[in-house]
Amino acid sequence: MYKIQKTLPNKGNKFYNNGDNGGYSWCITGKPTVDGLNVLCNCVGWACGRFNEIYSIETGYQGMKYKELCCNAENFANKARSIGLEVRQEPTNGGIMVWEGKGNLAGHVAVVEKVIDGNTILTSESGYNHFAFENHTRTNDNGRWGLTSNYPYLGCIVNPSNPKPEDEPQPTPTDYPFEGIVKKGSPLYNESGYRYPNGASCDRDVTVEGELNGRYKVYGSTFNPHIVYVDKGNVTKKGSGYPFPAIIKKGSPLYNENGSRYPSSCQADRKVTVEGEVNGRYKIYGETFNPHVVYCDKSSIVR
């Protein structure tokens, strides 16, 4: 598997230097010329070099297998066919996208670093007299994979090594803080591990701030002290399933934010939006309620 290219290659890389600079490429010297990568800036020099570099990585081939891909950009598709390469309409990993240039425009080529989905790709590109290297996320909403009407799309040259990009390492999300719920009856501890006489009297909303000695450090506005420690198995991380539409059943008790029950219950089955949960009850929005935002027992809600 090849790594997705997101920076300029190292100086001296033979796939991006021509014979004048000790490299493999037959492509012309770019403009402006990049020190140690002399076929750049040029979309042709980049596409030829990267296509062959990926082929070499995937197959172990030593050198540049397809040096002939060094013509004007718009002629890449025909050149590829002439040397036995396949050209498809849909982009393929490690392939070369080809655009024709209208009038005196020379066309453009770019390498597909990754097919993200049927309408989205990540490319690596260079531009003669413009830039040495860039990545672009391209969609085909305009039928030309993002280029203007001066550049009709001709197809994608398939890399015969059938390459697959490596999964990119994902940034590790910050584990803390996160919002959670401490279950009713959970034992509560202090920093030294001493257990408080009373546990959680009901499900409680908390912020998990970290961990200590195998327990979560949690902040809860209803706890005294506000910072306590709880066994990890007694904390449920809040999900992202809100909001969702639902029905509250006739006769359901209604509460305010502080947990005090309103005198009247729900007079009929009502359509509501469940916006979240607080201290073991759903926070709901209903047009017919006054105030519109109230709280109810979870058992009162039907999805």
C-alpha atoms as a PDB file:
ATOM      1  CA  MET A   1       0.000   0.000   0.000  1.00  0.00           C
ATOM      2  CA  TYR A   2       1.177   3.521  -0.745  1.00  0.00           C
ATOM      3  CA  LYS A   3       0.975   6.517   1.545  1.00  0.00           C
ATOM      4  CA  ILE A   4      -1.106   9.443   0.375  1.00  0.00           C
ATOM      5  CA  GLN A   5       1.208  12.221  -0.801  1.00  0.00           C
ATOM      6  CA  LYS A   6       0.501  15.463   1.039  1.00  0.00           C
ATOM      7  CA  THR A   7       3.828  17.272   0.720  1.00  0.00           C
ATOM      8  CA  LEU A   8       6.558  17.739  -1.846  1.00  0.00           C
ATOM      9  CA  PRO A   9       8.791  14.655  -2.176  1.00  0.00           C
ATOM     10  CA  ASN A  10      12.297  14.782  -0.792  1.00  0.00           C
ATOM     11  CA  LYS A  11      14.890  16.472  -2.952  1.00  0.00           C
ATOM     12  CA  GLY A  12      16.699  14.076  -5.239  1.00  0.00           C
ATOM     13  CA  ASN A  13      13.730  11.716  -5.682  1.00  0.00           C
ATOM     14  CA  LYS A  14      14.435  10.209  -9.100  1.00  0.00           C
ATOM     15  CA  PHE A  15      10.778  10.042 -10.117  1.00  0.00           C
ATOM     16  CA  TYR A  16      10.640  13.854 -10.069  1.00  0.00           C
ATOM     17  CA  ASN A  17      13.948  14.563 -11.775  1.00  0.00           C
ATOM     18  CA  ASN A  18      14.861  14.087 -15.410  1.00  0.00           C
ATOM     19  CA  GLY A  19      18.155  12.827 -16.826  1.00  0.00           C
ATOM     20  CA  ASP A  20      19.713  16.282 -16.594  1.00  0.00           C
ATOM     21  CA  ASN A  21      19.372  15.991 -12.831  1.00  0.00           C
ATOM     22  CA  GLY A  22      20.162  12.304 -12.393  1.00  0.00           C
ATOM     23  CA  GLY A  23      16.545  11.111 -12.387  1.00  0.00           C
ATOM     24  CA  TYR A  24      14.329   8.609 -14.225  1.00  0.00           C
ATOM     25  CA  SER A  25      11.917  11.018 -15.883  1.00  0.00           C
ATOM     26  CA  TRP A  26      11.813  11.978 -19.556  1.00  0.00           C
ATOM     27  CA  CYS A  27       9.707  15.072 -18.765  1.00  0.00           C
ATOM     28  CA  ILE A  28      10.857  18.615 -19.431  1.00  0.00           C
ATOM     29  CA  THR A  29      12.259  20.847 -16.698  1.00  0.00           C
ATOM     30  CA  GLY A  30       9.503  22.675 -14.829  1.00  0.00           C
ATOM     31  CA  LYS A  31       8.931  26.381 -14.412  1.00  0.00           C
ATOM     32  CA  PRO A  32       9.777  27.740 -11.959  1.00  0.00           C
ATOM     33  CA  THR A  33      12.140  24.867 -11.325  1.00  0.00           C
ATOM     34  CA  VAL A  34      12.167  23.291  -7.872  1.00  0.00           C
ATOM     35  CA  ASP A  35      15.617  22.595  -6.473  1.00  0.00           C
ATOM     36  CA  GLY A  36      16.211  18.849  -6.409  1.00  0.00           C
ATOM     37  CA  LEU A  37      12.887  18.104  -8.187  1.00  0.00           C
ATOM     38  CA  ASN A  38      13.501  19.617 -11.557  1.00  0.00           C
ATOM     39  CA  VAL A  39      10.427  18.354 -13.458  1.00  0.00           C
ATOM     40  CA  LEU A  40       8.382  20.628 -11.172  1.00  0.00           C
ATOM     41  CA  CYS A  41       6.529  22.972 -11.464  1.00  0.00           C
ATOM     42  CA  ASN A  42       4.634  21.090 -14.179  1.00  0.00           C
ATOM     43  CA  CYS A  43       1.485  18.951 -14.048  1.00  0.00           C
ATOM     44  CA  VAL A  44       3.005  16.523 -16.577  1.00  0.00           C
ATOM     45  CA  GLY A  45       6.206  16.003 -14.598  1.00  0.00           C
ATOM     46  CA  TRP A  46       4.229  15.448 -11.424  1.00  0.00           C
ATOM     47  CA  ALA A  47       1.632  13.069 -12.877  1.00  0.00           C
ATOM     48  CA  CYS A  48       4.202  10.941 -14.687  1.00  0.00           C
ATOM     49  CA  GLY A  49       6.439  10.768 -11.629  1.00  0.00           C
ATOM     50  CA  ARG A  50       3.709  10.019  -9.091  1.00  0.00           C
ATOM     51  CA  PHE A  51       1.950   7.417 -11.276  1.00  0.00           C
ATOM     52  CA  ASN A  52       5.220   5.564 -11.733  1.00  0.00           C
ATOM     53  CA  GLU A  53       6.258   5.983  -8.118  1.00  0.00           C
ATOM     54  CA  ILE A  54       3.020   4.376  -6.945  1.00  0.00           C
ATOM     55  CA  TYR A  55       3.498   1.562  -9.471  1.00  0.00           C
ATOM     56  CA  SER A  56       7.005   0.996  -8.116  1.00  0.00           C
ATOM     57  CA  ILE A  57       5.832   0.998  -4.485  1.00  0.00           C
ATOM     58  CA  GLU A  58       3.061  -1.499  -5.192  1.00  0.00           C
ATOM     59  CA  THR A  59       4.999  -3.896  -7.450  1.00  0.00           C
ATOM     60  CA  GLY A  60       8.617  -3.488  -6.399  1.00  0.00           C
ATOM     61  CA  TYR A  61       9.579  -2.466  -9.947  1.00  0.00           C
ATOM     62  CA  GLN A  62      12.949  -0.721  -9.962  1.00  0.00           C
ATOM     63  CA  GLY A  63      12.885   2.468 -11.995  1.00  0.00           C
ATOM     64  CA  MET A  64      10.184   4.185 -14.045  1.00  0.00           C
ATOM     65  CA  LYS A  65       7.970   1.694 -15.896  1.00  0.00           C
ATOM     66  CA  TYR A  66       5.958   4.171 -17.993  1.00  0.00           C
ATOM     67  CA  LYS A  67       8.391   6.921 -19.026  1.00  0.00           C
ATOM     68  CA  GLU A  68       6.343   7.618 -22.140  1.00  0.00           C
ATOM     69  CA  LEU A  69       3.777   9.599 -20.130  1.00  0.00           C
ATOM     70  CA  CYS A  70       5.594  12.855 -20.801  1.00  0.00           C
ATOM     71  CA  CYS A  71       3.558  14.442 -23.611  1.00  0.00           C
ATOM     72  CA  ASN A  72       1.191  17.418 -23.494  1.00  0.00           C
ATOM     73  CA  ALA A  73      -1.329  16.860 -20.734  1.00  0.00           C
ATOM     74  CA  GLU A  74      -4.382  16.545 -22.990  1.00  0.00           C
ATOM     75  CA  ASN A  75      -2.625  13.788 -24.966  1.00  0.00           C
ATOM     76  CA  PHE A  76      -2.082  11.584 -21.903  1.00  0.00           C
ATOM     77  CA  ALA A  77      -5.161   9.424 -22.523  1.00  0.00           C
ATOM     78  CA  ASN A  78      -4.187   8.550 -26.094  1.00  0.00           C
ATOM     79  CA  LYS A  79      -0.548   8.017 -25.117  1.00  0.00           C
ATOM     80  CA  ALA A  80      -1.645   5.685 -22.320  1.00  0.00           C
ATOM     81  CA  ARG A  81      -3.756   3.586 -24.677  1.00  0.00           C
ATOM     82  CA  SER A  82      -0.870   3.354 -27.128  1.00  0.00           C
ATOM     83  CA  ILE A  83       1.346   1.736 -24.471  1.00  0.00           C
ATOM     84  CA  GLY A  84      -1.318  -0.675 -23.282  1.00  0.00           C
ATOM     85  CA  LEU A  85      -2.805   1.202 -20.342  1.00  0.00           C
ATOM     86  CA  GLU A  86      -6.544   1.318 -19.694  1.00  0.00           C
ATOM     87  CA  VAL A  87      -8.486   4.564 -19.567  1.00  0.00           C
ATOM     88  CA  ARG A  88     -11.799   4.708 -17.702  1.00  0.00           C
ATOM     89  CA  GLN A  89     -14.284   7.453 -16.994  1.00  0.00           C
ATOM     90  CA  GLU A  90     -14.384   6.836 -13.258  1.00  0.00           C
ATOM     91  CA  PRO A  91     -11.346   7.828 -11.165  1.00  0.00           C
ATOM     92  CA  THR A  92      -9.235   5.015  -9.714  1.00  0.00           C
ATOM     93  CA  ASN A  93      -6.665   5.016  -6.923  1.00  0.00           C
ATOM     94  CA  GLY A  94      -3.212   5.878  -8.232  1.00  0.00           C
ATOM     95  CA  GLY A  95      -4.576   6.778 -11.664  1.00  0.00           C
ATOM     96  CA  ILE A  96      -4.059   9.918 -13.739  1.00  0.00           C
ATOM     97  CA  MET A  97      -7.017  12.219 -14.389  1.00  0.00           C
ATOM     98  CA  VAL A  98      -6.840  13.856 -17.818  1.00  0.00           C
ATOM     99  CA  TRP A  99      -8.470  17.090 -18.981  1.00  0.00           C
ATOM    100  CA  GLU A 100      -8.401  18.551 -22.492  1.00  0.00           C
ATOM    101  CA  GLY A 101      -7.532  22.222 -22.912  1.00  0.00           C
ATOM    102  CA  LYS A 102      -9.716  24.225 -25.285  1.00  0.00           C
ATOM    103  CA  GLY A 103      -8.040  26.435 -27.855  1.00  0.00           C
ATOM    104  CA  ASN A 104      -4.399  27.050 -26.988  1.00  0.00           C
ATOM    105  CA  LEU A 105      -4.709  25.613 -23.486  1.00  0.00           C
ATOM    106  CA  ALA A 106      -2.459  22.614 -22.921  1.00  0.00           C
ATOM    107  CA  GLY A 107      -4.845  20.608 -20.735  1.00  0.00           C
ATOM    108  CA  HIS A 108      -4.210  19.311 -17.244  1.00  0.00           C
ATOM    109  CA  VAL A 109      -3.376  16.055 -15.467  1.00  0.00           C
ATOM    110  CA  ALA A 110      -3.557  15.096 -11.801  1.00  0.00           C
ATOM    111  CA  VAL A 111      -3.013  11.917  -9.799  1.00  0.00           C
ATOM    112  CA  VAL A 112      -5.799  10.329  -7.767  1.00  0.00           C
ATOM    113  CA  GLU A 113      -4.376   9.835  -4.293  1.00  0.00           C
ATOM    114  CA  LYS A 114      -7.620   8.415  -2.948  1.00  0.00           C
ATOM    115  CA  VAL A 115     -11.157   7.722  -4.145  1.00  0.00           C
ATOM    116  CA  ILE A 116     -13.234   8.906  -1.207  1.00  0.00           C
ATOM    117  CA  ASP A 117     -16.647   8.031  -2.655  1.00  0.00           C
ATOM    118  CA  GLY A 118     -18.405   7.927  -6.010  1.00  0.00           C
ATOM    119  CA  ASN A 119     -18.384  11.699  -6.282  1.00  0.00           C
ATOM    120  CA  THR A 120     -15.323  12.738  -4.274  1.00  0.00           C
ATOM    121  CA  ILE A 121     -11.592  12.219  -4.762  1.00  0.00           C
ATOM    122  CA  LEU A 122      -8.354  13.543  -3.312  1.00  0.00           C
ATOM    123  CA  THR A 123      -5.721  14.456  -5.895  1.00  0.00           C
ATOM    124  CA  SER A 124      -2.091  15.518  -5.943  1.00  0.00           C
ATOM    125  CA  GLU A 125      -1.164  18.048  -8.612  1.00  0.00           C
ATOM    126  CA  SER A 126       1.390  20.491  -9.954  1.00  0.00           C
ATOM    127  CA  GLY A 127       0.927  23.436 -12.316  1.00  0.00           C
ATOM    128  CA  TYR A 128       3.378  24.774 -14.901  1.00  0.00           C
ATOM    129  CA  ASN A 129       4.357  28.342 -14.031  1.00  0.00           C
ATOM    130  CA  HIS A 130       1.926  28.210 -11.078  1.00  0.00           C
ATOM    131  CA  PHE A 131       2.692  25.813  -8.214  1.00  0.00           C
ATOM    132  CA  ALA A 132       4.963  22.875  -7.397  1.00  0.00           C
ATOM    133  CA  PHE A 133       2.520  20.762  -5.399  1.00  0.00           C
ATOM    134  CA  GLU A 134      -1.024  20.896  -4.086  1.00  0.00           C
ATOM    135  CA  ASN A 135      -3.702  18.507  -2.893  1.00  0.00           C
ATOM    136  CA  HIS A 136      -7.269  19.066  -4.054  1.00  0.00           C
ATOM    137  CA  THR A 137     -10.496  17.459  -2.928  1.00  0.00           C
ATOM    138  CA  ARG A 138     -12.503  17.265  -6.131  1.00  0.00           C
ATOM    139  CA  THR A 139     -16.160  16.469  -6.751  1.00  0.00           C
ATOM    140  CA  ASN A 140     -17.858  15.860 -10.076  1.00  0.00           C
ATOM    141  CA  ASP A 141     -20.821  18.132  -9.508  1.00  0.00           C
ATOM    142  CA  ASN A 142     -20.093  20.029 -12.738  1.00  0.00           C
ATOM    143  CA  GLY A 143     -19.169  16.947 -14.812  1.00  0.00           C
ATOM    144  CA  ARG A 144     -15.529  18.071 -15.085  1.00  0.00           C
ATOM    145  CA  TRP A 145     -14.288  17.161 -11.616  1.00  0.00           C
ATOM    146  CA  GLY A 146     -14.163  20.799 -10.603  1.00  0.00           C
ATOM    147  CA  LEU A 147     -12.330  22.358 -13.566  1.00  0.00           C
ATOM    148  CA  THR A 148     -13.856  25.137 -15.653  1.00  0.00           C
ATOM    149  CA  SER A 149     -15.644  24.678 -18.970  1.00  0.00           C
ATOM    150  CA  ASN A 150     -12.299  25.305 -20.729  1.00  0.00           C
ATOM    151  CA  TYR A 151     -11.131  21.897 -19.506  1.00  0.00           C
ATOM    152  CA  PRO A 152     -13.424  19.009 -20.539  1.00  0.00           C
ATOM    153  CA  TYR A 153     -12.691  15.805 -18.646  1.00  0.00           C
ATOM    154  CA  LEU A 154     -11.348  12.966 -20.806  1.00  0.00           C
ATOM    155  CA  GLY A 155     -10.948  10.103 -18.321  1.00  0.00           C
ATOM    156  CA  CYS A 156      -8.617   8.424 -15.860  1.00  0.00           C
ATOM    157  CA  ILE A 157      -5.578   6.318 -16.743  1.00  0.00           C
ATOM    158  CA  VAL A 158      -5.747   3.169 -14.601  1.00  0.00           C
ATOM    159  CA  ASN A 159      -2.626   2.312 -12.643  1.00  0.00           C
ATOM    160  CA  PRO A 160      -2.086  -1.395 -13.491  1.00  0.00           C
ATOM    161  CA  SER A 161      -0.608  -2.152 -10.072  1.00  0.00           C
ATOM    162  CA  ASN A 162      -4.161  -1.968  -8.631  1.00  0.00           C
ATOM    163  CA  PRO A 163      -2.896   0.240  -5.789  1.00  0.00           C
ATOM    164  CA  LYS A 164      -4.623   0.871  -2.481  1.00  0.00           C
ATOM    165  CA  PRO A 165      -3.816   3.859  -0.273  1.00  0.00           C
ATOM    166  CA  GLU A 166      -2.924   3.222   3.331  1.00  0.00           C
ATOM    167  CA  ASP A 167      -5.540   4.183   5.870  1.00  0.00           C
ATOM    168  CA  GLU A 168      -4.427   7.534   7.197  1.00  0.00           C
ATOM    169  CA  PRO A 169      -3.917   7.672  10.938  1.00  0.00           C
ATOM    170  CA  GLN A 170      -6.774   9.548  12.501  1.00  0.00           C
ATOM    171  CA  PRO A 171      -6.031  12.185  15.099  1.00  0.00           C
ATOM    172  CA  THR A 172      -6.717  10.845  18.551  1.00  0.00           C
ATOM    173  CA  PRO A 173      -9.683  12.729  19.925  1.00  0.00           C
ATOM    174  CA  THR A 174      -9.286  14.375  23.275  1.00  0.00           C
ATOM    175  CA  ASP A 175     -10.777  11.842  25.670  1.00  0.00           C
ATOM    176  CA  TYR A 176     -11.705  14.405  28.280  1.00  0.00           C
ATOM    177  CA  PRO A 177     -13.873  16.163  29.125  1.00  0.00           C
ATOM    178  CA  PHE A 178     -17.029  14.413  27.950  1.00  0.00           C
ATOM    179  CA  GLU A 179     -20.629  14.528  29.069  1.00  0.00           C
ATOM    180  CA  GLY A 180     -21.981  11.477  30.815  1.00  0.00           C
ATOM    181  CA  ILE A 181     -24.558  10.074  33.195  1.00  0.00           C
ATOM    182  CA  VAL A 182     -23.775   8.512  36.576  1.00  0.00           C
ATOM    183  CA  LYS A 183     -26.210   5.688  37.245  1.00  0.00           C
ATOM    184  CA  LYS A 184     -28.538   5.720  40.229  1.00  0.00           C
ATOM    185  CA  GLY A 185     -27.016   3.937  43.217  1.00  0.00           C
ATOM    186  CA  SER A 186     -23.418   4.338  42.054  1.00  0.00           C
ATOM    187  CA  PRO A 187     -20.841   4.493  44.867  1.00  0.00           C
ATOM    188  CA  LEU A 188     -19.018   7.806  45.060  1.00  0.00           C
ATOM    189  CA  TYR A 189     -15.414   8.239  46.221  1.00  0.00           C
ATOM    190  CA  ASN A 190     -13.026  11.012  47.129  1.00  0.00           C
ATOM    191  CA  GLU A 191      -9.582  11.523  45.585  1.00  0.00           C
ATOM    192  CA  SER A 192      -7.961   9.188  48.138  1.00  0.00           C
ATOM    193  CA  GLY A 193     -10.379   6.354  47.363  1.00  0.00           C
ATOM    194  CA  TYR A 194     -12.535   6.809  50.472  1.00  0.00           C
ATOM    195  CA  ARG A 195     -16.172   5.890  49.755  1.00  0.00           C
ATOM    196  CA  TYR A 196     -18.800   8.438  50.702  1.00  0.00           C
ATOM    197  CA  PRO A 197     -21.700   7.138  52.838  1.00  0.00           C
ATOM    198  CA  ASN A 198     -24.291   7.981  50.192  1.00  0.00           C
ATOM    199  CA  GLY A 199     -24.251   6.982  46.531  1.00  0.00           C
ATOM    200  CA  ALA A 200     -25.948   8.692  43.608  1.00  0.00           C
ATOM    201  CA  SER A 201     -29.602   9.070  44.577  1.00  0.00           C
ATOM    202  CA  CYS A 202     -30.734   9.033  40.931  1.00  0.00           C
ATOM    203  CA  ASP A 203     -29.247   9.195  37.444  1.00  0.00           C
ATOM    204  CA  ARG A 204     -27.108  12.335  37.404  1.00  0.00           C
ATOM    205  CA  ASP A 205     -25.705  14.431  34.564  1.00  0.00           C
ATOM    206  CA  VAL A 206     -21.958  14.897  34.994  1.00  0.00           C
ATOM    207  CA  THR A 207     -18.881  16.049  33.131  1.00  0.00           C
ATOM    208  CA  VAL A 208     -16.130  13.445  33.124  1.00  0.00           C
ATOM    209  CA  GLU A 209     -12.910  15.439  33.509  1.00  0.00           C
ATOM    210  CA  GLY A 210     -10.364  12.632  33.610  1.00  0.00           C
ATOM    211  CA  GLU A 211      -9.490   9.522  35.549  1.00  0.00           C
ATOM    212  CA  LEU A 212      -7.505   8.547  38.619  1.00  0.00           C
ATOM    213  CA  ASN A 213      -6.572   5.080  39.820  1.00  0.00           C
ATOM    214  CA  GLY A 214      -9.035   3.363  37.509  1.00  0.00           C
ATOM    215  CA  ARG A 215     -11.993   5.613  38.332  1.00  0.00           C
ATOM    216  CA  TYR A 216     -13.487   8.558  36.481  1.00  0.00           C
ATOM    217  CA  LYS A 217     -13.098  12.013  37.957  1.00  0.00           C
ATOM    218  CA  VAL A 218     -16.490  13.645  37.490  1.00  0.00           C
ATOM    219  CA  TYR A 219     -18.016  17.041  38.078  1.00  0.00           C
ATOM    220  CA  GLY A 220     -21.672  17.140  39.066  1.00  0.00           C
ATOM    221  CA  SER A 221     -23.496  20.294  40.091  1.00  0.00           C
ATOM    222  CA  THR A 222     -25.798  18.257  42.364  1.00  0.00           C
ATOM    223  CA  PHE A 223     -22.953  16.529  44.222  1.00  0.00           C
ATOM    224  CA  ASN A 224     -21.431  17.874  47.440  1.00  0.00           C
ATOM    225  CA  PRO A 225     -18.508  18.209  46.896  1.00  0.00           C
ATOM    226  CA  HIS A 226     -18.975  18.828  43.169  1.00  0.00           C
ATOM    227  CA  ILE A 227     -15.916  16.723  42.236  1.00  0.00           C
ATOM    228  CA  VAL A 228     -16.208  13.006  43.025  1.00  0.00           C
ATOM    229  CA  TYR A 229     -14.774   9.768  41.656  1.00  0.00           C
ATOM    230  CA  VAL A 230     -16.885   6.991  40.172  1.00  0.00           C
ATOM    231  CA  ASP A 231     -16.197   3.469  38.914  1.00  0.00           C
ATOM    232  CA  LYS A 232     -16.037   3.544  35.096  1.00  0.00           C
ATOM    233  CA  GLY A 233     -18.760   0.918  34.763  1.00  0.00           C
ATOM    234  CA  ASN A 234     -21.215   3.259  36.457  1.00  0.00           C
ATOM    235  CA  VAL A 235     -20.833   6.073  33.907  1.00  0.00           C
ATOM    236  CA  THR A 236     -22.605   6.118  30.560  1.00  0.00           C
ATOM    237  CA  LYS A 237     -21.243   8.434  27.891  1.00  0.00           C
ATOM    238  CA  LYS A 238     -23.955  10.553  26.346  1.00  0.00           C
ATOM    239  CA  GLY A 239     -24.612   9.712  22.727  1.00  0.00           C
ATOM    240  CA  SER A 240     -25.354  11.953  19.772  1.00  0.00           C
ATOM    241  CA  GLY A 241     -28.856  10.701  19.085  1.00  0.00           C
ATOM    242  CA  TYR A 242     -30.538  14.041  19.802  1.00  0.00           C
ATOM    243  CA  PRO A 243     -32.741  15.686  18.763  1.00  0.00           C
ATOM    244  CA  PHE A 244     -35.381  13.155  17.670  1.00  0.00           C
ATOM    245  CA  PRO A 245     -39.156  13.379  17.159  1.00  0.00           C
ATOM    246  CA  ALA A 246     -41.399  11.472  19.554  1.00  0.00           C
ATOM    247  CA  ILE A 247     -44.788  11.368  21.255  1.00  0.00           C
ATOM    248  CA  ILE A 248     -45.370  11.990  24.944  1.00  0.00           C
ATOM    249  CA  LYS A 249     -48.196   9.914  26.365  1.00  0.00           C
ATOM    250  CA  LYS A 250     -51.379  11.366  27.793  1.00  0.00           C
ATOM    251  CA  GLY A 251     -51.217  11.742  31.575  1.00  0.00           C
ATOM    252  CA  SER A 252     -47.419  11.971  31.730  1.00  0.00           C
ATOM    253  CA  PRO A 253     -46.012  14.047  34.613  1.00  0.00           C
ATOM    254  CA  LEU A 254     -44.086  17.136  33.531  1.00  0.00           C
ATOM    255  CA  TYR A 255     -41.170  18.721  35.390  1.00  0.00           C
ATOM    256  CA  ASN A 256     -39.107  21.870  35.315  1.00  0.00           C
ATOM    257  CA  GLU A 257     -35.313  21.998  34.967  1.00  0.00           C
ATOM    258  CA  ASN A 258     -34.829  21.699  38.714  1.00  0.00           C
ATOM    259  CA  GLY A 259     -36.929  18.539  38.953  1.00  0.00           C
ATOM    260  CA  SER A 260     -40.062  20.113  40.447  1.00  0.00           C
ATOM    261  CA  ARG A 261     -43.274  18.661  39.067  1.00  0.00           C
ATOM    262  CA  TYR A 262     -45.794  20.967  37.398  1.00  0.00           C
ATOM    263  CA  PRO A 263     -49.372  20.812  38.782  1.00  0.00           C
ATOM    264  CA  SER A 264     -50.838  19.626  35.466  1.00  0.00           C
ATOM    265  CA  SER A 265     -49.885  16.523  33.524  1.00  0.00           C
ATOM    266  CA  CYS A 266     -49.890  16.099  29.758  1.00  0.00           C
ATOM    267  CA  GLN A 267     -53.543  16.426  28.674  1.00  0.00           C
ATOM    268  CA  ALA A 268     -53.274  14.289  25.516  1.00  0.00           C
ATOM    269  CA  ASP A 269     -50.767  12.427  23.387  1.00  0.00           C
ATOM    270  CA  ARG A 270     -48.516  15.211  22.039  1.00  0.00           C
ATOM    271  CA  LYS A 271     -45.868  15.404  19.350  1.00  0.00           C
ATOM    272  CA  VAL A 272     -42.604  16.668  20.820  1.00  0.00           C
ATOM    273  CA  THR A 273     -38.928  16.957  20.012  1.00  0.00           C
ATOM    274  CA  VAL A 274     -36.594  15.249  22.463  1.00  0.00           C
ATOM    275  CA  GLU A 275     -33.595  17.583  22.713  1.00  0.00           C
ATOM    276  CA  GLY A 276     -31.497  15.685  25.249  1.00  0.00           C
ATOM    277  CA  GLU A 277     -31.580  14.385  28.799  1.00  0.00           C
ATOM    278  CA  VAL A 278     -30.944  15.841  32.226  1.00  0.00           C
ATOM    279  CA  ASN A 279     -30.708  13.925  35.487  1.00  0.00           C
ATOM    280  CA  GLY A 280     -32.446  10.842  34.157  1.00  0.00           C
ATOM    281  CA  ARG A 281     -35.301  12.637  32.375  1.00  0.00           C
ATOM    282  CA  TYR A 282     -35.777  13.724  28.779  1.00  0.00           C
ATOM    283  CA  LYS A 283     -35.637  17.411  27.924  1.00  0.00           C
ATOM    284  CA  ILE A 284     -38.446  17.952  25.426  1.00  0.00           C
ATOM    285  CA  TYR A 285     -39.810  20.789  23.299  1.00  0.00           C
ATOM    286  CA  GLY A 286     -43.538  20.980  22.599  1.00  0.00           C
ATOM    287  CA  GLU A 287     -45.430  23.777  20.854  1.00  0.00           C
ATOM    288  CA  THR A 288     -48.490  23.195  23.059  1.00  0.00           C
ATOM    289  CA  PHE A 289     -46.602  23.344  26.355  1.00  0.00           C
ATOM    290  CA  ASN A 290     -46.187  26.522  28.394  1.00  0.00           C
ATOM    291  CA  PRO A 291     -43.241  26.852  28.778  1.00  0.00           C
ATOM    292  CA  HIS A 292     -42.347  25.086  25.539  1.00  0.00           C
ATOM    293  CA  VAL A 293     -39.374  23.272  27.122  1.00  0.00           C
ATOM    294  CA  VAL A 294     -40.226  20.800  29.883  1.00  0.00           C
ATOM    295  CA  TYR A 295     -38.849  17.563  31.283  1.00  0.00           C
ATOM    296  CA  CYS A 296     -40.454  14.140  31.494  1.00  0.00           C
ATOM    297  CA  ASP A 297     -39.698  10.592  32.560  1.00  0.00           C
ATOM    298  CA  LYS A 298     -38.140   8.507  29.797  1.00  0.00           C
ATOM    299  CA  SER A 299     -40.947   5.973  30.098  1.00  0.00           C
ATOM    300  CA  SER A 300     -43.409   8.697  29.035  1.00  0.00           C
ATOM    301  CA  ILE A 301     -41.892   8.930  25.550  1.00  0.00           C
ATOM    302  CA  VAL A 302     -42.791   6.772  22.556  1.00  0.00           C
ATOM    303  CA  ARG A 303     -40.627   7.020  19.435  1.00  0.00           C
END
